[in-house]
Amino acid sequence: MSPPVPIRTSPLDTALACAFLGAMVVERLGAAAGLRTGIPLALALSAAVAGPLAVRRTLPLAGYLIGSAALSAEALFVLPSPLTPYANLIGLYSLGLYATRRRAWLGPFAALLGMAAYFADFGHAYPVIPAGVLFFWLLGWAFGYGAARRAEERDAARSLLRQRVVAEERARLARELHDLVGHTVNVMLIQAGAARRLLDREPDRTRELLSGLEHTGREALDDLDRVLGLLRRSAGAPERGGPGGRTGPAHDEPLLQPGLADLGRLTGRIGQAGIRVTVRVDPAARQVPRSIDVSAYRIVQEALTNTVKHAQAGSADVTVQCAGGALDIEVCDDGRGAAPGYAPGRGLLGIAERVSVLGGSVEHERGERGGFRLHAVLPIP
């Protein structure tokens, strides 16, 4: 059996309850001659009205019901106090503000019963109109209930925003991993296959291919290490270095995102896979914002990865230029092209996601040379 959960009170609420109780005690002692019963019962009822204010945040419904019952008993059997109704009003406001929706809706009904008991005897010294008092009590409850519902809506909006941010970050990291692993593994497979075929005939060329394969693998491992480090930091896990226990400044820095300036290194790896790549980059394209620069690189990278993986092409052309306030990207190859009725795979879908985030457009189709053509337009803000 689990131990009971302790009831917590805030210093402010405790001070509020003590202040009301002190004022009620003074008022009851001053009106002792007119009380219908003795002082002990009157003080006990005053404590029952003021005490629940100390737990008005943690036990709003129970506190209000106890206070309302004590208020009704005081009005019926002792003498109505001019202070107890205000304590009851604070309790009703707290019920609307801190209770759950279902429990908060018990407040108006409890208030109606309490008012009926309070005004059952009209011979007391404080005549007021019951309907008017009930209106103000319900108005106090409505203020608390409305504030609580607005707070719930804000919390729900924040939670939805956090979920959306997490989903977007996961999608971004998934794209980065796909671009990194998919591109590099395909290039490495082509290099390894070429080296296997040339092993006996051209040992020098084979060594060159194997050296490029090693270099490509090391670069991919470093990039993958940075991505995994970013994932660990986003999850709040301590950094332990890279694969094999490697540590150092290169592994503590943020994920390094390549841009259009790195296209030469990219096309060099593609060239080692046996595809001649011609790159034409407008000098103005190197001045675009960083987000567009990174996305343009990733789009070209994925397009060339598809060329290596699917096209069986001998050459590819990459053109990046600024025109009409947008960055225009075109990648064409001379491969076998897409089959009729083809469905885009994860790579093309990832390109579409990148372009959509930036408000651009993308199209892919059979090229003029019979190969495959990808054309993307990224607006420049």
Protein backbone atom coordinates (compact mmCIF):
# COMPACT_ATOMS: atom_id res chain seq x y z
CA MET A 1 0.00 0.00 0.00
CA SER A 2 1.48 3.30 -1.07
CA PRO A 3 1.84 6.04 1.58
CA PRO A 4 -0.68 8.91 1.48
CA VAL A 5 0.27 11.91 -0.61
CA PRO A 6 0.96 14.91 1.65
CA ILE A 7 -1.26 17.95 1.25
CA ARG A 8 0.85 20.93 0.25
CA THR A 9 0.04 24.53 0.94
CA SER A 10 1.68 27.70 -0.28
CA PRO A 11 2.87 30.34 2.20
CA LEU A 12 0.62 32.91 0.52
CA ASP A 13 -2.50 30.78 0.91
CA THR A 14 -1.61 29.95 4.51
CA ALA A 15 -1.17 33.64 5.27
CA LEU A 16 -4.53 34.37 3.59
CA ALA A 17 -6.29 31.73 5.70
CA CYS A 18 -4.67 33.01 8.90
CA ALA A 19 -5.63 36.61 8.08
CA PHE A 20 -9.28 35.67 7.53
CA LEU A 21 -9.34 33.53 10.66
CA GLY A 22 -7.85 36.31 12.79
CA ALA A 23 -10.37 38.83 11.51
CA MET A 24 -13.24 36.38 12.07
CA VAL A 25 -12.15 35.66 15.64
CA VAL A 26 -12.04 39.35 16.44
CA GLU A 27 -15.48 39.87 14.88
CA ARG A 28 -17.00 36.84 16.69
CA LEU A 29 -15.64 37.95 20.07
CA GLY A 30 -17.02 41.41 19.50
CA ALA A 31 -20.46 40.07 18.61
CA ALA A 32 -20.49 37.43 21.40
CA ALA A 33 -23.57 38.93 23.06
CA GLY A 34 -25.71 38.47 19.95
CA LEU A 35 -24.68 34.91 19.08
CA ARG A 36 -27.29 32.19 19.30
CA THR A 37 -24.79 29.66 20.62
CA GLY A 38 -21.58 29.77 22.57
CA ILE A 39 -18.27 31.18 21.45
CA PRO A 40 -16.55 27.78 20.94
CA LEU A 41 -18.97 26.68 18.18
CA ALA A 42 -18.77 30.09 16.49
CA LEU A 43 -14.96 29.99 16.47
CA ALA A 44 -14.95 26.41 15.21
CA LEU A 45 -17.19 27.36 12.28
CA SER A 46 -14.98 30.38 11.55
CA ALA A 47 -11.96 28.06 11.41
CA ALA A 48 -13.88 25.72 9.08
CA VAL A 49 -14.61 28.63 6.74
CA ALA A 50 -11.11 30.19 6.73
CA GLY A 51 -8.99 27.02 6.99
CA PRO A 52 -9.80 25.61 3.51
CA LEU A 53 -8.29 28.73 1.95
CA ALA A 54 -4.87 27.27 2.80
CA VAL A 55 -5.49 24.35 0.41
CA ARG A 56 -7.50 26.20 -2.21
CA ARG A 57 -4.98 25.27 -4.95
CA THR A 58 -4.46 21.60 -4.10
CA LEU A 59 -7.98 20.69 -2.83
CA PRO A 60 -10.25 23.34 -4.34
CA LEU A 61 -13.47 21.29 -4.39
CA ALA A 62 -13.13 19.75 -0.93
CA GLY A 63 -12.07 23.10 0.52
CA TYR A 64 -15.00 24.95 -1.00
CA LEU A 65 -17.56 22.34 0.10
CA ILE A 66 -16.25 22.41 3.67
CA GLY A 67 -16.26 26.21 3.71
CA SER A 68 -19.78 26.41 2.24
CA ALA A 69 -21.11 23.89 4.77
CA ALA A 70 -19.55 25.84 7.63
CA LEU A 71 -20.93 29.11 6.24
CA SER A 72 -24.44 27.64 6.01
CA ALA A 73 -24.24 26.24 9.56
CA GLU A 74 -23.04 29.61 10.85
CA ALA A 75 -25.95 31.42 9.17
CA LEU A 76 -28.54 28.91 10.41
CA PHE A 77 -27.38 28.22 13.96
CA VAL A 78 -25.02 31.00 15.10
CA LEU A 79 -25.20 34.38 13.39
CA PRO A 80 -24.08 35.37 9.86
CA SER A 81 -20.71 37.07 9.89
CA PRO A 82 -19.90 39.93 7.49
CA LEU A 83 -16.50 38.32 6.75
CA THR A 84 -17.26 34.67 6.04
CA PRO A 85 -19.02 35.31 2.68
CA TYR A 86 -15.84 36.87 1.26
CA ALA A 87 -13.78 33.86 2.27
CA ASN A 88 -16.42 31.72 0.59
CA LEU A 89 -16.18 33.87 -2.57
CA ILE A 90 -12.42 33.33 -2.74
CA GLY A 91 -13.00 29.60 -2.34
CA LEU A 92 -15.52 29.60 -5.20
CA TYR A 93 -13.13 31.54 -7.45
CA SER A 94 -10.35 29.08 -6.58
CA LEU A 95 -12.65 26.15 -7.41
CA GLY A 96 -13.20 27.53 -10.92
CA LEU A 97 -9.50 28.29 -11.36
CA TYR A 98 -7.74 25.22 -9.94
CA ALA A 99 -10.20 22.32 -10.16
CA THR A 100 -10.65 20.07 -13.17
CA ARG A 101 -13.44 20.89 -15.61
CA ARG A 102 -15.84 18.32 -14.17
CA ARG A 103 -15.24 19.27 -10.56
CA ALA A 104 -15.28 22.99 -11.28
CA TRP A 105 -18.83 22.71 -12.63
CA LEU A 106 -20.01 21.59 -9.18
CA GLY A 107 -19.23 25.08 -7.93
CA PRO A 108 -22.36 26.90 -9.17
CA PHE A 109 -24.66 24.21 -7.72
CA ALA A 110 -22.86 24.27 -4.37
CA ALA A 111 -23.02 28.06 -4.37
CA LEU A 112 -26.78 27.97 -5.00
CA LEU A 113 -27.34 25.63 -2.05
CA GLY A 114 -25.09 27.71 0.16
CA MET A 115 -26.94 30.91 -0.74
CA ALA A 116 -30.29 29.27 0.03
CA ALA A 117 -29.07 28.29 3.48
CA TYR A 118 -27.40 31.64 4.10
CA PHE A 119 -30.52 33.66 3.29
CA ALA A 120 -32.98 31.26 4.92
CA ASP A 121 -33.32 33.62 7.88
CA PHE A 122 -33.97 37.23 6.80
CA GLY A 123 -33.89 38.53 10.35
CA HIS A 124 -30.15 39.06 10.48
CA ALA A 125 -28.49 42.44 10.60
CA TYR A 126 -27.08 42.41 7.05
CA PRO A 127 -29.96 42.36 4.58
CA VAL A 128 -28.95 42.00 0.91
CA ILE A 129 -30.69 40.83 -2.21
CA PRO A 130 -29.98 37.08 -2.58
CA ALA A 131 -30.17 37.12 -6.38
CA GLY A 132 -27.60 39.91 -6.61
CA VAL A 133 -25.22 38.15 -4.25
CA LEU A 134 -25.60 34.90 -6.16
CA PHE A 135 -24.84 36.77 -9.42
CA PHE A 136 -21.58 38.16 -8.05
CA TRP A 137 -20.60 34.76 -6.63
CA LEU A 138 -21.19 33.08 -9.97
CA LEU A 139 -19.30 35.89 -11.67
CA GLY A 140 -16.31 35.19 -9.43
CA TRP A 141 -16.50 31.50 -10.30
CA ALA A 142 -16.73 32.36 -14.02
CA PHE A 143 -13.59 34.52 -13.83
CA GLY A 144 -11.67 31.65 -12.27
CA TYR A 145 -13.07 29.05 -14.67
CA GLY A 146 -12.36 31.21 -17.73
CA ALA A 147 -8.78 31.88 -16.60
CA ALA A 148 -8.21 28.15 -16.11
CA ARG A 149 -9.53 27.27 -19.55
CA ARG A 150 -7.37 29.95 -21.20
CA ALA A 151 -4.35 28.55 -19.38
CA GLU A 152 -5.25 25.06 -20.65
CA GLU A 153 -5.46 26.37 -24.20
CA ARG A 154 -2.06 28.05 -23.88
CA ASP A 155 -0.53 24.87 -22.48
CA ALA A 156 -2.09 22.82 -25.27
CA ALA A 157 -0.75 25.28 -27.85
CA ARG A 158 2.74 25.11 -26.30
CA SER A 159 2.61 21.32 -26.21
CA LEU A 160 1.52 21.20 -29.85
CA LEU A 161 4.29 23.60 -30.79
CA ARG A 162 6.86 21.48 -28.94
CA GLN A 163 5.62 18.34 -30.69
CA ARG A 164 5.79 20.09 -34.05
CA VAL A 165 9.32 21.34 -33.38
CA VAL A 166 10.41 17.84 -32.31
CA ALA A 167 8.80 16.30 -35.40
CA GLU A 168 10.45 18.85 -37.68
CA GLU A 169 13.81 18.28 -36.02
CA ARG A 170 13.45 14.52 -36.38
CA ALA A 171 12.54 14.91 -40.03
CA ARG A 172 15.52 17.20 -40.57
CA LEU A 173 17.91 14.77 -38.90
CA ALA A 174 16.38 11.89 -40.85
CA ARG A 175 17.03 13.78 -44.09
CA GLU A 176 20.60 14.51 -43.01
CA LEU A 177 21.24 10.86 -42.18
CA HIS A 178 19.65 9.71 -45.44
CA ASP A 179 21.70 12.19 -47.46
CA LEU A 180 24.89 11.31 -45.62
CA VAL A 181 24.60 7.54 -45.46
CA GLY A 182 22.78 7.03 -48.75
CA HIS A 183 25.18 9.12 -50.79
CA THR A 184 28.37 7.89 -49.19
CA VAL A 185 27.49 4.20 -49.16
CA ASN A 186 26.50 4.27 -52.81
CA VAL A 187 29.74 6.01 -53.80
CA MET A 188 31.77 3.57 -51.69
CA LEU A 189 30.04 0.59 -53.30
CA ILE A 190 30.83 1.90 -56.77
CA GLN A 191 34.46 2.52 -55.79
CA ALA A 192 34.78 -0.93 -54.23
CA GLY A 193 33.28 -2.56 -57.32
CA ALA A 194 35.61 -0.67 -59.64
CA ALA A 195 38.60 -1.60 -57.51
CA ARG A 196 37.61 -5.26 -57.59
CA ARG A 197 37.39 -5.25 -61.37
CA LEU A 198 40.76 -3.49 -61.79
CA LEU A 199 42.60 -5.36 -59.07
CA ASP A 200 44.57 -7.64 -61.41
CA ARG A 201 44.83 -5.41 -64.50
CA GLU A 202 45.59 -1.94 -63.07
CA PRO A 203 47.03 -2.17 -59.55
CA ASP A 204 47.95 1.54 -59.49
CA ARG A 205 44.39 2.53 -60.38
CA THR A 206 43.13 0.05 -57.81
CA ARG A 207 45.28 1.63 -55.09
CA GLU A 208 43.92 5.03 -56.08
CA LEU A 209 40.35 3.77 -55.82
CA LEU A 210 40.99 2.10 -52.49
CA SER A 211 42.62 5.28 -51.18
CA GLY A 212 39.57 7.27 -52.28
CA LEU A 213 37.34 4.65 -50.70
CA GLU A 214 39.18 5.01 -47.39
CA HIS A 215 39.03 8.80 -47.55
CA THR A 216 35.32 8.75 -48.34
CA GLY A 217 34.68 6.35 -45.47
CA ARG A 218 36.59 8.50 -42.98
CA GLU A 219 34.69 11.62 -44.03
CA ALA A 220 31.40 9.78 -43.73
CA LEU A 221 32.35 8.45 -40.30
CA ASP A 222 33.23 11.95 -39.07
CA ASP A 223 29.96 13.38 -40.39
CA LEU A 224 27.99 10.51 -38.91
CA ASP A 225 29.75 11.04 -35.60
CA ARG A 226 28.67 14.69 -35.59
CA VAL A 227 25.05 13.80 -36.42
CA LEU A 228 24.91 11.20 -33.65
CA GLY A 229 26.48 13.69 -31.25
CA LEU A 230 23.77 16.18 -32.15
CA LEU A 231 21.13 13.53 -31.46
CA ARG A 232 22.65 12.78 -28.06
CA ARG A 233 22.78 16.45 -27.10
CA SER A 234 19.17 16.98 -28.16
CA ALA A 235 18.19 14.01 -25.98
CA GLY A 236 20.09 15.41 -23.01
CA ALA A 237 22.66 12.59 -22.93
CA PRO A 238 26.29 13.34 -22.05
CA GLU A 239 28.76 13.37 -24.94
CA ARG A 240 31.12 10.39 -24.89
CA GLY A 241 33.13 10.99 -28.04
CA GLY A 242 32.80 9.35 -31.41
CA PRO A 243 33.02 5.76 -32.58
CA GLY A 244 35.93 3.93 -31.04
CA GLY A 245 36.03 6.37 -28.14
CA ARG A 246 37.44 9.24 -30.22
CA THR A 247 37.24 12.67 -28.65
CA GLY A 248 38.53 16.06 -29.53
CA PRO A 249 37.50 19.46 -30.82
CA ALA A 250 36.31 18.03 -34.12
CA HIS A 251 33.75 15.94 -32.29
CA ASP A 252 32.59 18.62 -29.84
CA GLU A 253 31.70 21.18 -32.49
CA PRO A 254 28.20 21.53 -33.96
CA LEU A 255 27.17 19.64 -37.05
CA LEU A 256 29.02 21.16 -39.98
CA GLN A 257 26.63 21.70 -42.87
CA PRO A 258 28.18 21.74 -46.35
CA GLY A 259 27.24 24.32 -48.94
CA LEU A 260 27.68 25.12 -52.60
CA ALA A 261 31.37 25.82 -51.98
CA ASP A 262 31.77 22.10 -51.22
CA LEU A 263 30.41 20.90 -54.56
CA GLY A 264 33.96 20.30 -55.80
CA ARG A 265 34.59 17.74 -53.06
CA LEU A 266 31.23 16.14 -53.79
CA THR A 267 31.80 15.84 -57.51
CA GLY A 268 35.29 14.51 -56.86
CA ARG A 269 33.82 11.56 -55.00
CA ILE A 270 31.27 11.05 -57.78
CA GLY A 271 34.09 11.15 -60.31
CA GLN A 272 35.89 8.36 -58.46
CA ALA A 273 32.72 6.33 -58.95
CA GLY A 274 33.22 6.65 -62.70
CA ILE A 275 30.79 9.46 -63.58
CA ARG A 276 32.05 12.67 -65.15
CA VAL A 277 30.33 15.63 -63.49
CA THR A 278 30.34 19.14 -64.93
CA VAL A 279 29.43 21.88 -62.46
CA ARG A 280 28.49 25.45 -63.35
CA VAL A 281 27.74 27.70 -60.37
CA ASP A 282 26.74 31.34 -60.74
CA PRO A 283 29.06 33.46 -58.54
CA ALA A 284 25.99 35.24 -57.17
CA ALA A 285 24.71 31.89 -55.90
CA ARG A 286 27.48 31.80 -53.32
CA GLN A 287 25.94 34.83 -51.57
CA VAL A 288 22.58 33.23 -50.77
CA PRO A 289 21.48 32.70 -47.13
CA ARG A 290 22.99 29.76 -45.32
CA SER A 291 19.76 27.73 -45.17
CA ILE A 292 19.37 27.94 -48.96
CA ASP A 293 23.07 27.22 -49.47
CA VAL A 294 22.87 24.01 -47.42
CA SER A 295 19.61 22.90 -49.04
CA ALA A 296 21.01 23.51 -52.53
CA TYR A 297 24.03 21.33 -51.74
CA ARG A 298 21.84 18.56 -50.35
CA ILE A 299 19.57 18.67 -53.39
CA VAL A 300 22.53 18.32 -55.76
CA GLN A 301 23.99 15.58 -53.56
CA GLU A 302 20.78 13.54 -53.59
CA ALA A 303 20.33 14.02 -57.34
CA LEU A 304 23.87 12.80 -58.02
CA THR A 305 23.38 9.92 -55.58
CA ASN A 306 20.37 8.82 -57.62
CA THR A 307 22.51 9.11 -60.74
CA VAL A 308 25.14 6.80 -59.23
CA LYS A 309 22.57 4.38 -57.82
CA HIS A 310 19.92 4.14 -60.53
CA ALA A 311 20.86 5.89 -63.77
CA GLN A 312 23.85 3.88 -65.03
CA ALA A 313 25.03 7.19 -66.44
CA GLY A 314 28.43 8.18 -67.79
CA SER A 315 28.14 11.90 -67.15
CA ALA A 316 26.03 14.49 -65.35
CA ASP A 317 25.66 18.26 -65.55
CA VAL A 318 24.94 20.50 -62.54
CA THR A 319 23.84 24.09 -63.06
CA VAL A 320 23.18 26.50 -60.17
CA GLN A 321 22.28 30.10 -60.93
CA CYS A 322 20.39 33.04 -59.50
CA ALA A 323 17.48 34.24 -61.61
CA GLY A 324 14.36 36.24 -60.79
CA GLY A 325 14.99 36.39 -57.04
CA ALA A 326 15.39 32.62 -56.75
CA LEU A 327 18.12 30.00 -56.83
CA ASP A 328 17.66 27.75 -59.85
CA ILE A 329 19.14 24.25 -59.57
CA GLU A 330 19.25 21.75 -62.43
CA VAL A 331 20.88 18.32 -62.45
CA CYS A 332 20.79 16.24 -65.66
CA ASP A 333 22.45 12.95 -66.55
CA ASP A 334 22.75 10.81 -69.68
CA GLY A 335 21.62 7.59 -68.06
CA ARG A 336 18.72 5.32 -68.82
CA GLY A 337 16.16 7.72 -67.34
CA ALA A 338 13.13 6.92 -65.26
CA ALA A 339 10.77 4.11 -66.14
CA PRO A 340 7.24 5.13 -67.21
CA GLY A 341 4.97 5.63 -64.22
CA TYR A 342 7.83 5.61 -61.71
CA ALA A 343 7.11 6.55 -58.08
CA PRO A 344 9.50 8.90 -56.23
CA GLY A 345 11.59 7.19 -53.57
CA ARG A 346 12.84 8.51 -50.25
CA GLY A 347 15.52 10.60 -51.90
CA LEU A 348 13.17 12.55 -54.18
CA LEU A 349 10.64 12.83 -51.35
CA GLY A 350 13.37 14.26 -49.13
CA ILE A 351 14.20 16.83 -51.83
CA ALA A 352 10.52 17.76 -52.05
CA GLU A 353 10.41 18.26 -48.26
CA ARG A 354 13.46 20.51 -48.33
CA VAL A 355 12.06 22.58 -51.17
CA SER A 356 8.63 22.82 -49.53
CA VAL A 357 10.10 24.13 -46.27
CA LEU A 358 11.73 26.97 -48.21
CA GLY A 359 8.60 27.73 -50.23
CA GLY A 360 10.07 26.59 -53.54
CA SER A 361 9.16 24.11 -56.25
CA VAL A 362 10.71 20.97 -57.72
CA GLU A 363 10.11 18.83 -60.79
CA HIS A 364 11.76 15.69 -62.09
CA GLU A 365 11.31 14.10 -65.48
CA ARG A 366 13.05 12.42 -68.37
CA GLY A 367 15.79 14.69 -69.69
CA GLU A 368 16.42 15.93 -73.21
CA ARG A 369 19.41 13.57 -73.57
CA GLY A 370 17.27 10.64 -72.56
CA GLY A 371 18.52 10.58 -68.99
CA PHE A 372 16.97 12.03 -65.85
CA ARG A 373 16.45 15.72 -65.10
CA LEU A 374 15.78 17.34 -61.74
CA HIS A 375 14.89 21.01 -61.52
CA ALA A 376 14.41 22.86 -58.23
CA VAL A 377 13.69 26.54 -57.55
CA LEU A 378 14.39 28.02 -54.12
CA PRO A 379 13.12 31.57 -53.45
CA ILE A 380 15.75 33.91 -52.01
CA PRO A 381 14.31 36.07 -49.22
